């Protein structure tokens, strides 16, 4: 069984943003006490991932395989186990991982990606993402947190499914709702379903395909007059309208109206308290 250790109850690590105007968070991760390697911080992933190249470099033994589901469609994942994953002094022993080709995503953002840090690591902690300072903090969820100002949003979160634990929240768009969205640090631009775009009369225009799960996905671009999570609100938010939500909703067992991405989250200090199922935006 995986065991988590956290030095002094709190660890802060610097991350970098890769991918230009709509980036992903890359943070340094040690695998089996080797590294650091560049991993995407991905609240949308259930299981942490290693790139095929890193798994080969570390001589990770494959113990099985399964079929995964992403916005780009179905894909094959090799299954393995590592002795440890660590971010700074935050360490988790005996961790299940998937092994996949992350080359296409790396090519899209212009950076080498060694892996993806997902729910099976993050669930043990309260994580605070400070986009402006490029810092992430891992806290023992039992540690008392003190913030200098009150949260603009403090709302209960729910997980879509134990096997696909997307963080689900209620949001309001253009003054209407609530709509069910996933919070996904692995998504750069906030995305909505074609059905929601039609319901809200969103004008859209074609843009080049985006890459998800190693596959090209056709999307259009639009904007919401307002987008609100709890008391946190942004006007004129750019969104993409994508036709991958039906298969994603089916995979997670919950109807999704959209995904909250980086272009909303970047304006806040984001606190995701997994054990206590709470999201706060400061």
C-alpha atoms as a PDB file:
ATOM      1  CA  UNK A   1       0.000   0.000   0.000  1.00  0.00           C
ATOM      2  CA  UNK A   2       1.298   3.489  -0.879  1.00  0.00           C
ATOM      3  CA  UNK A   3       2.518   5.591   2.040  1.00  0.00           C
ATOM      4  CA  UNK A   4       3.025   9.351   1.923  1.00  0.00           C
ATOM      5  CA  UNK A   5       5.649  11.331   3.811  1.00  0.00           C
ATOM      6  CA  UNK A   6       5.800  15.108   4.075  1.00  0.00           C
ATOM      7  CA  UNK A   7       8.774  16.844   5.686  1.00  0.00           C
ATOM      8  CA  UNK A   8       7.770  19.337   8.418  1.00  0.00           C
ATOM      9  CA  UNK A   9       4.120  19.168   7.320  1.00  0.00           C
ATOM     10  CA  UNK A  10       4.636  21.520   4.349  1.00  0.00           C
ATOM     11  CA  UNK A  11       6.820  21.601   1.221  1.00  0.00           C
ATOM     12  CA  UNK A  12       7.022  24.387  -1.401  1.00  0.00           C
ATOM     13  CA  UNK A  13       8.453  23.733  -4.867  1.00  0.00           C
ATOM     14  CA  UNK A  14       9.013  26.025  -7.847  1.00  0.00           C
ATOM     15  CA  UNK A  15       7.414  25.058 -11.155  1.00  0.00           C
ATOM     16  CA  UNK A  16       7.674  26.449 -14.674  1.00  0.00           C
ATOM     17  CA  UNK A  17       5.030  27.108 -17.283  1.00  0.00           C
ATOM     18  CA  UNK A  18       5.702  25.581 -20.715  1.00  0.00           C
ATOM     19  CA  UNK A  19       3.692  26.078 -23.880  1.00  0.00           C
ATOM     20  CA  UNK A  20       3.574  29.805 -24.592  1.00  0.00           C
ATOM     21  CA  UNK A  21       0.346  31.755 -24.061  1.00  0.00           C
ATOM     22  CA  UNK A  22      -1.645  28.716 -22.889  1.00  0.00           C
ATOM     23  CA  UNK A  23       0.876  26.685 -20.884  1.00  0.00           C
ATOM     24  CA  UNK A  24       0.963  23.618 -18.695  1.00  0.00           C
ATOM     25  CA  UNK A  25       2.602  23.391 -15.266  1.00  0.00           C
ATOM     26  CA  UNK A  26       5.861  21.423 -15.266  1.00  0.00           C
ATOM     27  CA  UNK A  27       7.348  20.566 -11.892  1.00  0.00           C
ATOM     28  CA  UNK A  28      10.457  18.614 -10.822  1.00  0.00           C
ATOM     29  CA  UNK A  29       9.724  15.029  -9.768  1.00  0.00           C
ATOM     30  CA  UNK A  30      12.133  12.332  -8.585  1.00  0.00           C
ATOM     31  CA  UNK A  31      11.362   8.737  -9.521  1.00  0.00           C
ATOM     32  CA  UNK A  32      13.033   5.945  -7.537  1.00  0.00           C
ATOM     33  CA  UNK A  33      15.357   8.596  -6.045  1.00  0.00           C
ATOM     34  CA  UNK A  34      16.559   9.647  -9.503  1.00  0.00           C
ATOM     35  CA  UNK A  35      15.950  12.919 -11.294  1.00  0.00           C
ATOM     36  CA  UNK A  36      14.531  15.500 -11.167  1.00  0.00           C
ATOM     37  CA  UNK A  37      12.354  14.914 -14.203  1.00  0.00           C
ATOM     38  CA  UNK A  38       9.771  17.287 -15.704  1.00  0.00           C
ATOM     39  CA  UNK A  39       6.197  16.177 -14.927  1.00  0.00           C
ATOM     40  CA  UNK A  40       2.906  17.862 -15.829  1.00  0.00           C
ATOM     41  CA  UNK A  41       0.771  18.715 -12.796  1.00  0.00           C
ATOM     42  CA  UNK A  42      -2.484  17.120 -13.886  1.00  0.00           C
ATOM     43  CA  UNK A  43      -5.585  17.090 -11.674  1.00  0.00           C
ATOM     44  CA  UNK A  44      -7.408  15.519 -14.622  1.00  0.00           C
ATOM     45  CA  UNK A  45      -5.338  12.307 -14.496  1.00  0.00           C
ATOM     46  CA  UNK A  46      -6.307   9.450 -12.212  1.00  0.00           C
ATOM     47  CA  UNK A  47      -2.986   7.631 -12.285  1.00  0.00           C
ATOM     48  CA  UNK A  48       0.438   9.246 -12.517  1.00  0.00           C
ATOM     49  CA  UNK A  49       2.252   8.563 -15.786  1.00  0.00           C
ATOM     50  CA  UNK A  50       5.802   8.012 -16.985  1.00  0.00           C
ATOM     51  CA  UNK A  51       6.886   8.680 -20.543  1.00  0.00           C
ATOM     52  CA  UNK A  52       7.970   5.616 -22.513  1.00  0.00           C
ATOM     53  CA  UNK A  53      11.496   7.053 -22.680  1.00  0.00           C
ATOM     54  CA  UNK A  54      11.774   7.587 -18.920  1.00  0.00           C
ATOM     55  CA  UNK A  55      10.393   4.129 -18.142  1.00  0.00           C
ATOM     56  CA  UNK A  56      13.044   2.640 -20.422  1.00  0.00           C
ATOM     57  CA  UNK A  57      15.785   4.795 -18.886  1.00  0.00           C
ATOM     58  CA  UNK A  58      14.846   3.702 -15.368  1.00  0.00           C
ATOM     59  CA  UNK A  59      14.302   0.070 -16.456  1.00  0.00           C
ATOM     60  CA  UNK A  60      10.741   0.049 -15.113  1.00  0.00           C
ATOM     61  CA  UNK A  61       9.142  -3.384 -15.428  1.00  0.00           C
ATOM     62  CA  UNK A  62       5.730  -3.493 -17.141  1.00  0.00           C
ATOM     63  CA  UNK A  63       3.238  -5.695 -15.282  1.00  0.00           C
ATOM     64  CA  UNK A  64       0.167  -5.325 -17.510  1.00  0.00           C
ATOM     65  CA  UNK A  65      -1.806  -3.018 -19.770  1.00  0.00           C
ATOM     66  CA  UNK A  66      -5.215  -1.390 -20.029  1.00  0.00           C
ATOM     67  CA  UNK A  67      -7.174   0.846 -22.360  1.00  0.00           C
ATOM     68  CA  UNK A  68      -7.331   4.506 -21.389  1.00  0.00           C
ATOM     69  CA  UNK A  69      -9.732   7.232 -22.464  1.00  0.00           C
ATOM     70  CA  UNK A  70      -8.874  10.854 -23.191  1.00  0.00           C
ATOM     71  CA  UNK A  71     -10.367  13.702 -25.153  1.00  0.00           C
ATOM     72  CA  UNK A  72      -8.469  12.370 -28.163  1.00  0.00           C
ATOM     73  CA  UNK A  73     -10.074   8.932 -27.914  1.00  0.00           C
ATOM     74  CA  UNK A  74      -8.994   5.552 -26.610  1.00  0.00           C
ATOM     75  CA  UNK A  75      -5.339   4.691 -26.124  1.00  0.00           C
ATOM     76  CA  UNK A  76      -3.270   1.857 -24.659  1.00  0.00           C
ATOM     77  CA  UNK A  77      -1.483   2.279 -21.315  1.00  0.00           C
ATOM     78  CA  UNK A  78       1.211  -0.050 -19.999  1.00  0.00           C
ATOM     79  CA  UNK A  79       0.937  -0.592 -16.231  1.00  0.00           C
ATOM     80  CA  UNK A  80       3.864  -0.611 -13.810  1.00  0.00           C
ATOM     81  CA  UNK A  81       4.862   0.230 -10.259  1.00  0.00           C
ATOM     82  CA  UNK A  82       7.677   2.472  -9.007  1.00  0.00           C
ATOM     83  CA  UNK A  83       9.372   2.386  -5.613  1.00  0.00           C
ATOM     84  CA  UNK A  84       8.789   6.089  -5.060  1.00  0.00           C
ATOM     85  CA  UNK A  85       7.640   9.427  -6.497  1.00  0.00           C
ATOM     86  CA  UNK A  86       8.881  12.588  -4.795  1.00  0.00           C
ATOM     87  CA  UNK A  87       8.388  16.332  -5.211  1.00  0.00           C
ATOM     88  CA  UNK A  88      10.865  18.133  -2.984  1.00  0.00           C
ATOM     89  CA  UNK A  89      10.570  16.502   0.429  1.00  0.00           C
ATOM     90  CA  UNK A  90       7.095  15.198  -0.411  1.00  0.00           C
ATOM     91  CA  UNK A  91       7.380  11.487  -1.119  1.00  0.00           C
ATOM     92  CA  UNK A  92       5.036   8.623  -1.909  1.00  0.00           C
ATOM     93  CA  UNK A  93       6.287   5.032  -1.818  1.00  0.00           C
ATOM     94  CA  UNK A  94       5.119   2.030  -3.842  1.00  0.00           C
ATOM     95  CA  UNK A  95       3.156   3.907  -6.532  1.00  0.00           C
ATOM     96  CA  UNK A  96       1.153   2.517  -9.456  1.00  0.00           C
ATOM     97  CA  UNK A  97       1.957   4.306 -12.725  1.00  0.00           C
ATOM     98  CA  UNK A  98       0.999   4.131 -16.367  1.00  0.00           C
ATOM     99  CA  UNK A  99       3.550   4.243 -19.179  1.00  0.00           C
ATOM    100  CA  UNK A 100       2.548   6.148 -22.325  1.00  0.00           C
ATOM    101  CA  UNK A 101       4.047   8.045 -25.228  1.00  0.00           C
ATOM    102  CA  UNK A 102       4.066  11.714 -24.188  1.00  0.00           C
ATOM    103  CA  UNK A 103       6.066  12.874 -27.208  1.00  0.00           C
ATOM    104  CA  UNK A 104       3.132  14.490 -29.041  1.00  0.00           C
ATOM    105  CA  UNK A 105       2.119  16.591 -26.030  1.00  0.00           C
ATOM    106  CA  UNK A 106       5.760  17.590 -25.535  1.00  0.00           C
ATOM    107  CA  UNK A 107       6.008  18.635 -29.166  1.00  0.00           C
ATOM    108  CA  UNK A 108       2.843  20.716 -28.827  1.00  0.00           C
ATOM    109  CA  UNK A 109       4.132  22.730 -25.845  1.00  0.00           C
ATOM    110  CA  UNK A 110       7.766  22.763 -26.989  1.00  0.00           C
ATOM    111  CA  UNK A 111       9.196  20.976 -23.951  1.00  0.00           C
ATOM    112  CA  UNK A 112      10.341  17.478 -23.054  1.00  0.00           C
ATOM    113  CA  UNK A 113       7.799  15.809 -20.775  1.00  0.00           C
ATOM    114  CA  UNK A 114       8.962  12.937 -18.590  1.00  0.00           C
ATOM    115  CA  UNK A 115       5.669  12.195 -16.868  1.00  0.00           C
ATOM    116  CA  UNK A 116       2.370  13.322 -15.445  1.00  0.00           C
ATOM    117  CA  UNK A 117       1.605  13.731 -11.716  1.00  0.00           C
ATOM    118  CA  UNK A 118      -1.985  12.645 -11.135  1.00  0.00           C
ATOM    119  CA  UNK A 119      -4.606  11.947  -8.498  1.00  0.00           C
ATOM    120  CA  UNK A 120      -2.990   8.852  -6.971  1.00  0.00           C
ATOM    121  CA  UNK A 121      -0.164  11.128  -5.773  1.00  0.00           C
ATOM    122  CA  UNK A 122      -2.067  14.371  -5.179  1.00  0.00           C
ATOM    123  CA  UNK A 123      -4.956  12.847  -3.176  1.00  0.00           C
ATOM    124  CA  UNK A 124      -2.838  12.615  -0.034  1.00  0.00           C
ATOM    125  CA  UNK A 125      -2.312  16.369   0.271  1.00  0.00           C
ATOM    126  CA  UNK A 126      -3.779  19.842   0.300  1.00  0.00           C
ATOM    127  CA  UNK A 127      -2.078  21.520  -2.653  1.00  0.00           C
ATOM    128  CA  UNK A 128      -1.762  25.271  -3.181  1.00  0.00           C
ATOM    129  CA  UNK A 129      -0.932  26.489  -6.691  1.00  0.00           C
ATOM    130  CA  UNK A 130       0.355  30.072  -6.858  1.00  0.00           C
ATOM    131  CA  UNK A 131       0.482  30.760 -10.593  1.00  0.00           C
ATOM    132  CA  UNK A 132       1.924  34.269 -10.276  1.00  0.00           C
ATOM    133  CA  UNK A 133       4.829  33.053  -8.118  1.00  0.00           C
ATOM    134  CA  UNK A 134       5.220  29.766 -10.052  1.00  0.00           C
ATOM    135  CA  UNK A 135       5.091  27.841  -6.779  1.00  0.00           C
ATOM    136  CA  UNK A 136       3.190  24.803  -5.566  1.00  0.00           C
ATOM    137  CA  UNK A 137       2.896  23.840  -1.927  1.00  0.00           C
ATOM    138  CA  UNK A 138       2.032  20.430  -0.533  1.00  0.00           C
ATOM    139  CA  UNK A 139       0.509  20.452   2.960  1.00  0.00           C
ATOM    140  CA  UNK A 140      -0.569  17.810   5.399  1.00  0.00           C
ATOM    141  CA  UNK A 141      -4.377  18.264   5.221  1.00  0.00           C
ATOM    142  CA  UNK A 142      -4.540  18.175   9.029  1.00  0.00           C
ATOM    143  CA  UNK A 143      -2.203  21.194   9.234  1.00  0.00           C
ATOM    144  CA  UNK A 144      -4.057  24.418  10.040  1.00  0.00           C
ATOM    145  CA  UNK A 145      -3.921  26.858   7.108  1.00  0.00           C
ATOM    146  CA  UNK A 146      -3.791  30.616   7.629  1.00  0.00           C
ATOM    147  CA  UNK A 147      -4.360  32.986   4.690  1.00  0.00           C
ATOM    148  CA  UNK A 148      -4.007  36.758   4.867  1.00  0.00           C
ATOM    149  CA  UNK A 149      -7.250  37.347   3.009  1.00  0.00           C
ATOM    150  CA  UNK A 150     -10.539  35.529   2.683  1.00  0.00           C
ATOM    151  CA  UNK A 151     -11.254  33.266  -0.262  1.00  0.00           C
ATOM    152  CA  UNK A 152     -13.221  34.579  -3.235  1.00  0.00           C
ATOM    153  CA  UNK A 153     -14.530  31.050  -3.648  1.00  0.00           C
ATOM    154  CA  UNK A 154     -14.690  28.177  -1.180  1.00  0.00           C
ATOM    155  CA  UNK A 155     -16.782  25.342  -2.486  1.00  0.00           C
ATOM    156  CA  UNK A 156     -17.171  21.625  -1.962  1.00  0.00           C
ATOM    157  CA  UNK A 157     -15.693  19.415  -4.638  1.00  0.00           C
ATOM    158  CA  UNK A 158     -16.779  15.964  -5.667  1.00  0.00           C
ATOM    159  CA  UNK A 159     -14.935  13.293  -7.579  1.00  0.00           C
ATOM    160  CA  UNK A 160     -16.512  11.960 -10.759  1.00  0.00           C
ATOM    161  CA  UNK A 161     -15.537   8.343 -10.116  1.00  0.00           C
ATOM    162  CA  UNK A 162     -12.858   6.573  -8.033  1.00  0.00           C
ATOM    163  CA  UNK A 163     -11.304   5.182 -11.214  1.00  0.00           C
ATOM    164  CA  UNK A 164     -11.449   8.552 -13.035  1.00  0.00           C
ATOM    165  CA  UNK A 165     -11.339  11.087 -10.209  1.00  0.00           C
ATOM    166  CA  UNK A 166     -11.927  14.352 -12.018  1.00  0.00           C
ATOM    167  CA  UNK A 167     -12.667  17.225  -9.632  1.00  0.00           C
ATOM    168  CA  UNK A 168     -16.226  18.379 -10.347  1.00  0.00           C
ATOM    169  CA  UNK A 169     -17.618  21.808  -9.425  1.00  0.00           C
ATOM    170  CA  UNK A 170     -20.700  23.864 -10.210  1.00  0.00           C
ATOM    171  CA  UNK A 171     -20.073  26.977 -12.320  1.00  0.00           C
ATOM    172  CA  UNK A 172     -22.197  29.768 -13.777  1.00  0.00           C
ATOM    173  CA  UNK A 173     -21.671  31.053 -17.325  1.00  0.00           C
ATOM    174  CA  UNK A 174     -23.233  34.236 -18.696  1.00  0.00           C
ATOM    175  CA  UNK A 175     -25.318  34.417 -15.525  1.00  0.00           C
ATOM    176  CA  UNK A 176     -26.860  30.992 -16.100  1.00  0.00           C
ATOM    177  CA  UNK A 177     -26.333  27.631 -14.439  1.00  0.00           C
ATOM    178  CA  UNK A 178     -25.259  25.784 -12.499  1.00  0.00           C
ATOM    179  CA  UNK A 179     -23.285  23.723 -15.014  1.00  0.00           C
ATOM    180  CA  UNK A 180     -21.006  20.845 -14.093  1.00  0.00           C
ATOM    181  CA  UNK A 181     -17.336  21.435 -14.954  1.00  0.00           C
ATOM    182  CA  UNK A 182     -14.114  19.591 -14.149  1.00  0.00           C
ATOM    183  CA  UNK A 183     -11.114  21.424 -12.656  1.00  0.00           C
ATOM    184  CA  UNK A 184      -8.134  20.357 -14.766  1.00  0.00           C
ATOM    185  CA  UNK A 185      -4.635  21.828 -14.361  1.00  0.00           C
ATOM    186  CA  UNK A 186      -3.629  19.726 -17.376  1.00  0.00           C
ATOM    187  CA  UNK A 187      -5.912  21.776 -19.665  1.00  0.00           C
ATOM    188  CA  UNK A 188      -4.654  25.127 -20.909  1.00  0.00           C
ATOM    189  CA  UNK A 189      -7.842  26.774 -22.234  1.00  0.00           C
ATOM    190  CA  UNK A 190     -11.256  26.448 -20.595  1.00  0.00           C
ATOM    191  CA  UNK A 191     -13.452  24.215 -22.763  1.00  0.00           C
ATOM    192  CA  UNK A 192     -17.222  23.810 -23.146  1.00  0.00           C
ATOM    193  CA  UNK A 193     -19.504  21.374 -24.929  1.00  0.00           C
ATOM    194  CA  UNK A 194     -21.172  22.259 -28.254  1.00  0.00           C
ATOM    195  CA  UNK A 195     -24.518  21.872 -26.464  1.00  0.00           C
ATOM    196  CA  UNK A 196     -23.615  24.504 -23.866  1.00  0.00           C
ATOM    197  CA  UNK A 197     -22.263  26.831 -26.570  1.00  0.00           C
ATOM    198  CA  UNK A 198     -25.607  26.518 -28.382  1.00  0.00           C
ATOM    199  CA  UNK A 199     -27.617  27.026 -25.187  1.00  0.00           C
ATOM    200  CA  UNK A 200     -25.669  30.217 -24.407  1.00  0.00           C
ATOM    201  CA  UNK A 201     -25.667  31.426 -28.044  1.00  0.00           C
ATOM    202  CA  UNK A 202     -21.868  31.581 -28.190  1.00  0.00           C
ATOM    203  CA  UNK A 203     -20.484  32.777 -31.525  1.00  0.00           C
ATOM    204  CA  UNK A 204     -17.506  30.648 -32.553  1.00  0.00           C
ATOM    205  CA  UNK A 205     -14.784  30.649 -35.192  1.00  0.00           C
ATOM    206  CA  UNK A 206     -12.563  27.804 -36.437  1.00  0.00           C
ATOM    207  CA  UNK A 207      -9.030  27.421 -35.052  1.00  0.00           C
ATOM    208  CA  UNK A 208      -6.350  24.780 -35.713  1.00  0.00           C
ATOM    209  CA  UNK A 209      -6.883  21.390 -34.024  1.00  0.00           C
ATOM    210  CA  UNK A 210      -5.550  20.945 -30.491  1.00  0.00           C
ATOM    211  CA  UNK A 211      -3.724  17.862 -29.234  1.00  0.00           C
ATOM    212  CA  UNK A 212      -5.226  15.741 -26.473  1.00  0.00           C
ATOM    213  CA  UNK A 213      -4.133  12.257 -25.527  1.00  0.00           C
ATOM    214  CA  UNK A 214      -1.734  12.271 -28.476  1.00  0.00           C
ATOM    215  CA  UNK A 215      -4.539  12.845 -30.980  1.00  0.00           C
ATOM    216  CA  UNK A 216      -5.723  15.922 -32.865  1.00  0.00           C
ATOM    217  CA  UNK A 217      -9.123  17.210 -31.758  1.00  0.00           C
ATOM    218  CA  UNK A 218     -11.169  19.635 -33.861  1.00  0.00           C
ATOM    219  CA  UNK A 219     -12.278  22.705 -31.894  1.00  0.00           C
ATOM    220  CA  UNK A 220     -13.707  26.177 -32.412  1.00  0.00           C
ATOM    221  CA  UNK A 221     -13.018  29.302 -30.374  1.00  0.00           C
ATOM    222  CA  UNK A 222     -15.428  31.610 -28.600  1.00  0.00           C
ATOM    223  CA  UNK A 223     -15.823  33.737 -25.477  1.00  0.00           C
ATOM    224  CA  UNK A 224     -18.107  33.804 -22.451  1.00  0.00           C
ATOM    225  CA  UNK A 225     -19.387  37.154 -21.196  1.00  0.00           C
ATOM    226  CA  UNK A 226     -18.897  35.923 -17.629  1.00  0.00           C
ATOM    227  CA  UNK A 227     -17.603  32.797 -15.924  1.00  0.00           C
ATOM    228  CA  UNK A 228     -18.038  32.220 -12.207  1.00  0.00           C
ATOM    229  CA  UNK A 229     -16.855  29.597  -9.708  1.00  0.00           C
ATOM    230  CA  UNK A 230     -18.311  30.423  -6.306  1.00  0.00           C
ATOM    231  CA  UNK A 231     -17.563  34.127  -5.773  1.00  0.00           C
ATOM    232  CA  UNK A 232     -14.631  34.098  -8.213  1.00  0.00           C
ATOM    233  CA  UNK A 233     -15.703  35.684 -11.491  1.00  0.00           C
ATOM    234  CA  UNK A 234     -13.965  36.592 -14.752  1.00  0.00           C
ATOM    235  CA  UNK A 235     -15.584  38.505 -17.607  1.00  0.00           C
ATOM    236  CA  UNK A 236     -14.928  37.881 -21.307  1.00  0.00           C
ATOM    237  CA  UNK A 237     -13.236  34.505 -20.850  1.00  0.00           C
ATOM    238  CA  UNK A 238     -11.880  32.818 -23.977  1.00  0.00           C
ATOM    239  CA  UNK A 239     -13.073  29.224 -24.395  1.00  0.00           C
ATOM    240  CA  UNK A 240     -12.784  26.431 -26.886  1.00  0.00           C
ATOM    241  CA  UNK A 241     -15.812  24.456 -27.994  1.00  0.00           C
ATOM    242  CA  UNK A 242     -14.890  20.795 -28.380  1.00  0.00           C
ATOM    243  CA  UNK A 243     -16.805  17.678 -29.349  1.00  0.00           C
ATOM    244  CA  UNK A 244     -14.982  15.242 -27.053  1.00  0.00           C
ATOM    245  CA  UNK A 245     -17.187  15.572 -23.977  1.00  0.00           C
ATOM    246  CA  UNK A 246     -19.636  12.780 -24.794  1.00  0.00           C
ATOM    247  CA  UNK A 247     -16.923  10.111 -24.721  1.00  0.00           C
ATOM    248  CA  UNK A 248     -15.241  11.769 -21.716  1.00  0.00           C
ATOM    249  CA  UNK A 249     -18.529  11.918 -19.804  1.00  0.00           C
ATOM    250  CA  UNK A 250     -19.121   8.267 -20.576  1.00  0.00           C
ATOM    251  CA  UNK A 251     -15.612   7.351 -19.388  1.00  0.00           C
ATOM    252  CA  UNK A 252     -15.963   9.140 -16.027  1.00  0.00           C
ATOM    253  CA  UNK A 253     -19.600   8.285 -15.448  1.00  0.00           C
ATOM    254  CA  UNK A 254     -20.697  11.905 -15.038  1.00  0.00           C
ATOM    255  CA  UNK A 255     -22.150  14.452 -17.442  1.00  0.00           C
ATOM    256  CA  UNK A 256     -19.644  17.225 -18.098  1.00  0.00           C
ATOM    257  CA  UNK A 257     -20.587  20.634 -19.473  1.00  0.00           C
ATOM    258  CA  UNK A 258     -16.995  21.804 -19.641  1.00  0.00           C
ATOM    259  CA  UNK A 259     -13.497  21.942 -18.164  1.00  0.00           C
ATOM    260  CA  UNK A 260     -12.019  24.815 -16.141  1.00  0.00           C
ATOM    261  CA  UNK A 261      -8.514  25.382 -17.494  1.00  0.00           C
ATOM    262  CA  UNK A 262      -5.414  27.482 -16.959  1.00  0.00           C
ATOM    263  CA  UNK A 263      -6.797  30.681 -18.496  1.00  0.00           C
ATOM    264  CA  UNK A 264      -9.268  30.947 -15.587  1.00  0.00           C
ATOM    265  CA  UNK A 265      -7.173  29.442 -12.783  1.00  0.00           C
ATOM    266  CA  UNK A 266      -4.081  31.604 -13.453  1.00  0.00           C
ATOM    267  CA  UNK A 267      -5.733  34.666 -11.892  1.00  0.00           C
ATOM    268  CA  UNK A 268      -6.014  32.964  -8.498  1.00  0.00           C
ATOM    269  CA  UNK A 269      -4.143  31.181  -5.785  1.00  0.00           C
ATOM    270  CA  UNK A 270      -5.775  27.767  -6.127  1.00  0.00           C
ATOM    271  CA  UNK A 271      -6.078  25.500  -3.092  1.00  0.00           C
ATOM    272  CA  UNK A 272      -7.259  21.937  -3.682  1.00  0.00           C
ATOM    273  CA  UNK A 273      -7.786  20.077  -0.407  1.00  0.00           C
ATOM    274  CA  UNK A 274      -8.290  16.511  -1.595  1.00  0.00           C
ATOM    275  CA  UNK A 275      -8.855  14.750   1.763  1.00  0.00           C
ATOM    276  CA  UNK A 276     -11.361  17.386   2.939  1.00  0.00           C
ATOM    277  CA  UNK A 277     -12.946  17.756  -0.559  1.00  0.00           C
ATOM    278  CA  UNK A 278     -12.695  21.531  -0.716  1.00  0.00           C
ATOM    279  CA  UNK A 279     -11.621  24.005  -3.432  1.00  0.00           C
ATOM    280  CA  UNK A 280     -10.633  27.562  -2.493  1.00  0.00           C
ATOM    281  CA  UNK A 281      -9.693  30.421  -4.829  1.00  0.00           C
ATOM    282  CA  UNK A 282      -7.884  33.466  -3.424  1.00  0.00           C
END
